[in-house]
Amino acid sequence: MTVPRFPSPKIIVALLPEPETVPSCLDCALAAAEGFDVTIAAVQVGFDPRFAFVPPEELALQQLRARNEGALADRLAHTRAAIDSWRSGRGEVPVTFRDDRGDVTAVVAAETAAADLVVMGNPVHLDGRDAFHSTLFWSKRLLLVAPARPLPGPRVIGRHIVVGWKPGDQVRRAVRQALPWLAKAEKVSVVTVRKPAGVASDVDYGPSARAFFAELGLAVELIAIDRAGSSVGRQLLAETERLGGDSLLIGAFKHGALWEAVLGGVTRDVLAAAQLPVFMMS
């Protein structure tokens, strides 16, 4: 089968709201850019009341942060130090760096408006959670979630991508946005999870996956596995590791209105346990 050509990504934005996620996030941004003529913009984002138009209760919440996360100036300085540490010893890297502060939701919307891919670490603090939520559920951009720990050497992303498939608009959007990486990959494995033995179901995810990827013109390996244990998300991660995948792609599902309760089971479990980069889109 002839590998289809899709428009190459032009802009990758790495959002850096907290120091803990800086090294892995920037490593993943470089890895995702490999093979493309793309601009990487790394943006330190953070809440700053001087540039934020938010209700009084939001300001009060931000003031309480200092007790657990330190003062605003210290938080920004720690993130800047992590960025400088990552840059030191690397020589010239094809990354531009800038700082953007204010209301995090508004900052993310502005910074990601033209992005083909947004890269973020799994959030640790409030700025990170705000930026992550805004990117995943409001920006409508493909998100690449960097794992917590960077690798000792260069990271590879997109040589073998594993897709966790359950029919739905979220995963279809994620696949379509990730087409440049999927088309360039040496191998794409599509994994479906069957219901546990004894559970009645007339749903077979395999045919929908086969039809969708055939329509896109992508050659994929279809793999059906039996449900084992209580967490499909962790099972997808284990299967990705078994297959030798360097990244996982899923659709992101949400429930409720509060950040702590907003993520669906598979999405939540994948984010909690992933040790490899995860493409996702809501």
Protein backbone atom coordinates (compact mmCIF):
# COMPACT_ATOMS: atom_id res chain seq x y z
CA MET A 1 0.00 0.00 0.00
CA THR A 2 1.31 3.47 -0.87
CA VAL A 3 1.84 5.56 2.25
CA PRO A 4 -0.45 8.59 2.01
CA ARG A 5 0.99 12.07 2.41
CA PHE A 6 -0.57 14.53 4.80
CA PRO A 7 0.30 18.18 5.43
CA SER A 8 3.33 18.37 7.71
CA PRO A 9 3.00 20.11 11.08
CA LYS A 10 4.40 23.62 11.15
CA ILE A 11 4.17 24.68 14.78
CA ILE A 12 4.72 22.68 17.98
CA VAL A 13 4.07 24.52 21.23
CA ALA A 14 5.58 23.22 24.47
CA LEU A 15 3.78 24.65 27.50
CA LEU A 16 5.97 24.93 30.60
CA PRO A 17 3.86 25.88 33.64
CA GLU A 18 5.95 24.15 36.33
CA PRO A 19 9.59 23.10 36.82
CA GLU A 20 8.99 19.38 37.41
CA THR A 21 7.78 18.74 33.87
CA VAL A 22 10.22 20.93 31.92
CA PRO A 23 12.94 18.39 30.94
CA SER A 24 10.63 15.64 29.72
CA CYS A 25 8.30 18.10 27.98
CA LEU A 26 11.11 19.70 26.00
CA ASP A 27 12.64 16.31 25.16
CA CYS A 28 9.28 15.16 23.80
CA ALA A 29 8.81 18.34 21.77
CA LEU A 30 12.18 17.77 20.08
CA ALA A 31 11.36 14.10 19.45
CA ALA A 32 7.94 14.92 17.97
CA ALA A 33 9.56 17.44 15.63
CA GLU A 34 12.03 14.91 14.23
CA GLY A 35 11.67 14.58 10.45
CA PHE A 36 9.49 17.66 10.05
CA ASP A 37 10.30 21.22 9.08
CA VAL A 38 8.64 22.64 12.14
CA THR A 39 8.97 25.54 14.57
CA ILE A 40 9.09 24.65 18.28
CA ALA A 41 7.92 27.39 20.63
CA ALA A 42 8.49 26.77 24.33
CA VAL A 43 6.33 29.02 26.47
CA GLN A 44 6.62 29.45 30.21
CA VAL A 45 3.03 30.05 31.31
CA GLY A 46 1.80 31.05 34.74
CA PHE A 47 -0.87 32.94 36.61
CA ASP A 48 0.00 36.58 37.27
CA PRO A 49 -2.67 38.82 38.84
CA ARG A 50 -1.17 41.90 37.21
CA PHE A 51 -2.24 40.64 33.78
CA ALA A 52 -5.27 38.54 34.67
CA PHE A 53 -8.89 39.67 34.65
CA VAL A 54 -10.47 37.09 36.92
CA PRO A 55 -13.20 37.14 39.61
CA PRO A 56 -12.24 37.86 43.25
CA GLU A 57 -12.72 34.22 44.28
CA GLU A 58 -10.08 33.17 41.73
CA LEU A 59 -7.65 35.72 43.17
CA ALA A 60 -8.35 34.39 46.66
CA LEU A 61 -7.64 30.84 45.49
CA GLN A 62 -4.37 31.93 43.93
CA GLN A 63 -3.32 33.68 47.14
CA LEU A 64 -3.86 30.45 49.08
CA ARG A 65 -1.43 28.69 46.75
CA ALA A 66 1.55 30.37 48.37
CA ARG A 67 1.11 28.17 51.45
CA ASN A 68 1.63 24.96 49.49
CA GLU A 69 3.44 25.93 46.29
CA GLY A 70 5.43 29.03 47.28
CA ALA A 71 5.18 32.65 46.23
CA LEU A 72 4.50 33.60 42.62
CA ALA A 73 8.00 34.98 42.03
CA ASP A 74 9.58 31.82 43.42
CA ARG A 75 7.40 29.52 41.30
CA LEU A 76 8.27 31.42 38.12
CA ALA A 77 11.96 31.50 39.03
CA HIS A 78 12.04 27.74 39.64
CA THR A 79 10.49 27.05 36.25
CA ARG A 80 12.91 29.44 34.55
CA ALA A 81 15.82 27.70 36.30
CA ALA A 82 14.59 24.31 35.03
CA ILE A 83 14.43 25.69 31.48
CA ASP A 84 17.94 27.14 31.75
CA SER A 85 19.24 23.86 33.16
CA TRP A 86 17.75 21.91 30.25
CA ARG A 87 19.28 24.31 27.74
CA SER A 88 22.76 24.27 29.28
CA GLY A 89 25.14 21.89 27.61
CA ARG A 90 22.84 21.27 24.64
CA GLY A 91 24.30 23.94 22.40
CA GLU A 92 21.96 25.27 19.76
CA VAL A 93 18.49 23.71 19.83
CA PRO A 94 15.70 24.56 17.35
CA VAL A 95 13.49 25.97 20.10
CA THR A 96 12.38 29.53 20.80
CA PHE A 97 11.64 30.46 24.40
CA ARG A 98 9.30 33.10 25.76
CA ASP A 99 7.32 33.95 28.87
CA ASP A 100 3.57 34.58 28.98
CA ARG A 101 1.71 35.31 32.20
CA GLY A 102 -1.81 36.25 33.20
CA ASP A 103 -5.00 34.20 33.35
CA VAL A 104 -3.70 30.74 32.42
CA THR A 105 -6.78 29.78 30.42
CA ALA A 106 -6.53 32.91 28.29
CA VAL A 107 -2.76 32.50 27.90
CA VAL A 108 -3.13 28.90 26.71
CA ALA A 109 -5.84 29.87 24.22
CA ALA A 110 -3.62 32.56 22.70
CA GLU A 111 -0.41 30.52 22.67
CA THR A 112 -1.92 27.35 21.17
CA ALA A 113 -4.24 28.96 18.60
CA ALA A 114 -1.97 28.15 15.65
CA ALA A 115 -0.35 24.98 17.02
CA ASP A 116 -0.43 21.66 15.18
CA LEU A 117 0.66 19.93 18.38
CA VAL A 118 0.80 21.02 22.02
CA VAL A 119 3.25 19.27 24.34
CA MET A 120 2.80 19.30 28.11
CA GLY A 121 3.88 17.28 31.10
CA ASN A 122 1.35 15.54 33.30
CA PRO A 123 0.43 18.42 35.64
CA VAL A 124 1.68 18.67 39.21
CA HIS A 125 0.55 22.09 40.47
CA LEU A 126 -2.39 24.42 39.90
CA ASP A 127 -0.92 26.31 36.93
CA GLY A 128 -0.14 22.98 35.31
CA ARG A 129 -3.62 21.62 35.91
CA ASP A 130 -5.22 24.79 34.58
CA ALA A 131 -3.05 24.74 31.45
CA PHE A 132 -3.63 21.03 30.91
CA HIS A 133 -7.40 21.29 31.27
CA SER A 134 -7.54 24.31 28.95
CA THR A 135 -5.44 22.56 26.31
CA LEU A 136 -7.22 19.22 26.42
CA PHE A 137 -10.81 20.35 26.63
CA TRP A 138 -10.93 23.84 25.12
CA SER A 139 -8.07 24.38 22.65
CA LYS A 140 -9.19 21.56 20.29
CA ARG A 141 -5.52 20.86 19.59
CA LEU A 142 -3.75 17.53 19.61
CA LEU A 143 -1.98 17.15 22.95
CA LEU A 144 1.16 15.12 23.55
CA VAL A 145 1.53 14.36 27.25
CA ALA A 146 5.15 13.91 28.27
CA PRO A 147 5.90 11.27 30.91
CA ALA A 148 7.16 12.37 34.30
CA ARG A 149 10.73 11.18 33.88
CA PRO A 150 12.99 12.11 30.97
CA LEU A 151 15.18 9.43 29.41
CA PRO A 152 18.95 9.50 29.90
CA GLY A 153 19.38 9.70 26.11
CA PRO A 154 17.40 11.08 23.18
CA ARG A 155 13.73 10.15 23.14
CA VAL A 156 12.08 8.64 20.04
CA ILE A 157 8.45 9.39 19.26
CA GLY A 158 6.50 8.16 16.27
CA ARG A 159 8.52 5.18 15.08
CA HIS A 160 5.91 2.74 16.43
CA ILE A 161 2.63 4.30 17.56
CA VAL A 162 0.01 2.25 19.37
CA VAL A 163 -3.61 3.42 19.09
CA GLY A 164 -6.07 2.46 21.82
CA TRP A 165 -9.31 2.14 19.86
CA LYS A 166 -12.85 2.43 21.11
CA PRO A 167 -15.20 3.94 18.52
CA GLY A 168 -15.96 7.56 19.32
CA ASP A 169 -15.50 11.11 18.12
CA GLN A 170 -12.60 11.72 20.51
CA VAL A 171 -10.32 9.01 19.15
CA ARG A 172 -11.27 9.79 15.54
CA ARG A 173 -10.32 13.44 16.09
CA ALA A 174 -7.06 12.44 17.74
CA VAL A 175 -6.16 10.12 14.87
CA ARG A 176 -6.96 12.72 12.22
CA GLN A 177 -4.87 15.36 13.99
CA ALA A 178 -2.01 12.89 14.43
CA LEU A 179 -2.00 11.79 10.77
CA PRO A 180 1.42 13.35 9.98
CA TRP A 181 3.00 11.23 12.74
CA LEU A 182 0.97 8.11 11.95
CA ALA A 183 1.80 8.30 8.23
CA LYS A 184 5.51 8.72 9.02
CA ALA A 185 5.61 5.89 11.54
CA GLU A 186 7.33 2.64 10.64
CA LYS A 187 4.49 0.78 12.35
CA VAL A 188 1.03 1.57 13.70
CA SER A 189 -0.68 -0.96 15.96
CA VAL A 190 -4.37 -0.53 16.76
CA VAL A 191 -5.41 -2.26 19.98
CA THR A 192 -9.00 -3.05 20.92
CA VAL A 193 -10.03 -4.51 24.28
CA ARG A 194 -12.71 -7.19 24.34
CA LYS A 195 -15.27 -7.43 27.12
CA PRO A 196 -14.46 -9.91 29.93
CA ALA A 197 -15.61 -13.49 29.52
CA GLY A 198 -19.22 -13.86 30.53
CA VAL A 199 -20.13 -10.23 29.89
CA ALA A 200 -22.70 -9.97 27.13
CA SER A 201 -21.80 -7.55 24.37
CA ASP A 202 -22.71 -7.20 20.74
CA VAL A 203 -19.97 -4.61 20.16
CA ASP A 204 -16.90 -5.61 18.20
CA TYR A 205 -14.50 -2.68 17.92
CA GLY A 206 -12.31 -4.34 15.29
CA PRO A 207 -14.48 -3.71 12.19
CA SER A 208 -14.89 -0.01 13.00
CA ALA A 209 -11.14 0.38 13.40
CA ARG A 210 -10.43 -1.50 10.18
CA ALA A 211 -12.91 0.61 8.21
CA PHE A 212 -11.70 3.92 9.66
CA PHE A 213 -8.00 3.37 8.99
CA ALA A 214 -8.73 1.94 5.54
CA GLU A 215 -10.65 5.11 4.74
CA LEU A 216 -7.59 7.13 5.77
CA GLY A 217 -5.34 4.95 3.64
CA LEU A 218 -3.15 3.89 6.56
CA ALA A 219 -1.83 0.35 6.91
CA VAL A 220 -2.17 -0.76 10.52
CA GLU A 221 -1.87 -3.94 12.54
CA LEU A 222 -5.12 -4.74 14.35
CA ILE A 223 -4.76 -6.45 17.73
CA ALA A 224 -7.66 -7.55 19.94
CA ILE A 225 -6.90 -8.39 23.57
CA ASP A 226 -9.16 -9.75 26.30
CA ARG A 227 -10.11 -7.50 29.16
CA ALA A 228 -7.99 -8.35 32.19
CA GLY A 229 -8.30 -6.60 35.53
CA SER A 230 -10.20 -3.43 36.33
CA SER A 231 -8.23 -0.83 34.36
CA VAL A 232 -8.40 -0.71 30.57
CA GLY A 233 -6.04 2.25 30.62
CA ARG A 234 -3.29 0.37 32.40
CA GLN A 235 -3.88 -2.62 30.13
CA LEU A 236 -3.36 -0.41 27.08
CA LEU A 237 -0.10 0.86 28.55
CA ALA A 238 1.08 -2.68 29.24
CA GLU A 239 0.19 -3.78 25.71
CA THR A 240 2.03 -0.79 24.26
CA GLU A 241 5.12 -1.82 26.20
CA ARG A 242 4.75 -5.43 25.11
CA LEU A 243 4.49 -4.39 21.46
CA GLY A 244 7.52 -2.11 21.72
CA GLY A 245 5.55 1.06 21.01
CA ASP A 246 7.23 4.37 21.71
CA SER A 247 3.95 6.27 22.17
CA LEU A 248 0.25 5.68 22.75
CA LEU A 249 -2.69 7.51 21.15
CA ILE A 250 -6.13 7.63 22.76
CA GLY A 251 -9.26 9.73 22.74
CA ALA A 252 -9.73 11.69 25.98
CA PHE A 253 -13.07 11.35 27.71
CA LYS A 254 -14.39 13.53 30.51
CA HIS A 255 -17.12 13.53 33.11
CA GLY A 256 -18.37 16.17 35.52
CA ALA A 257 -17.26 19.77 35.87
CA LEU A 258 -14.46 19.74 38.46
CA TRP A 259 -10.87 19.11 37.33
CA GLU A 260 -10.33 16.39 39.92
CA ALA A 261 -13.34 14.45 38.60
CA VAL A 262 -13.33 15.50 34.96
CA LEU A 263 -11.37 12.68 33.36
CA GLY A 264 -12.99 9.44 32.30
CA GLY A 265 -11.65 6.12 33.59
CA VAL A 266 -9.33 5.15 30.72
CA THR A 267 -7.97 8.69 30.32
CA ARG A 268 -7.41 9.08 34.05
CA ASP A 269 -5.70 5.70 34.42
CA VAL A 270 -3.42 6.27 31.42
CA LEU A 271 -2.31 9.66 32.74
CA ALA A 272 -1.73 8.25 36.22
CA ALA A 273 0.55 5.44 35.06
CA ALA A 274 2.05 6.39 31.67
CA GLN A 275 5.82 6.15 31.42
CA LEU A 276 5.81 6.96 27.70
CA PRO A 277 4.41 9.87 25.65
CA VAL A 278 0.65 9.85 25.05
CA PHE A 279 -1.15 11.61 22.18
CA MET A 280 -4.71 12.53 23.12
CA MET A 281 -7.58 14.78 22.15
CA SER A 282 -11.04 15.35 23.53
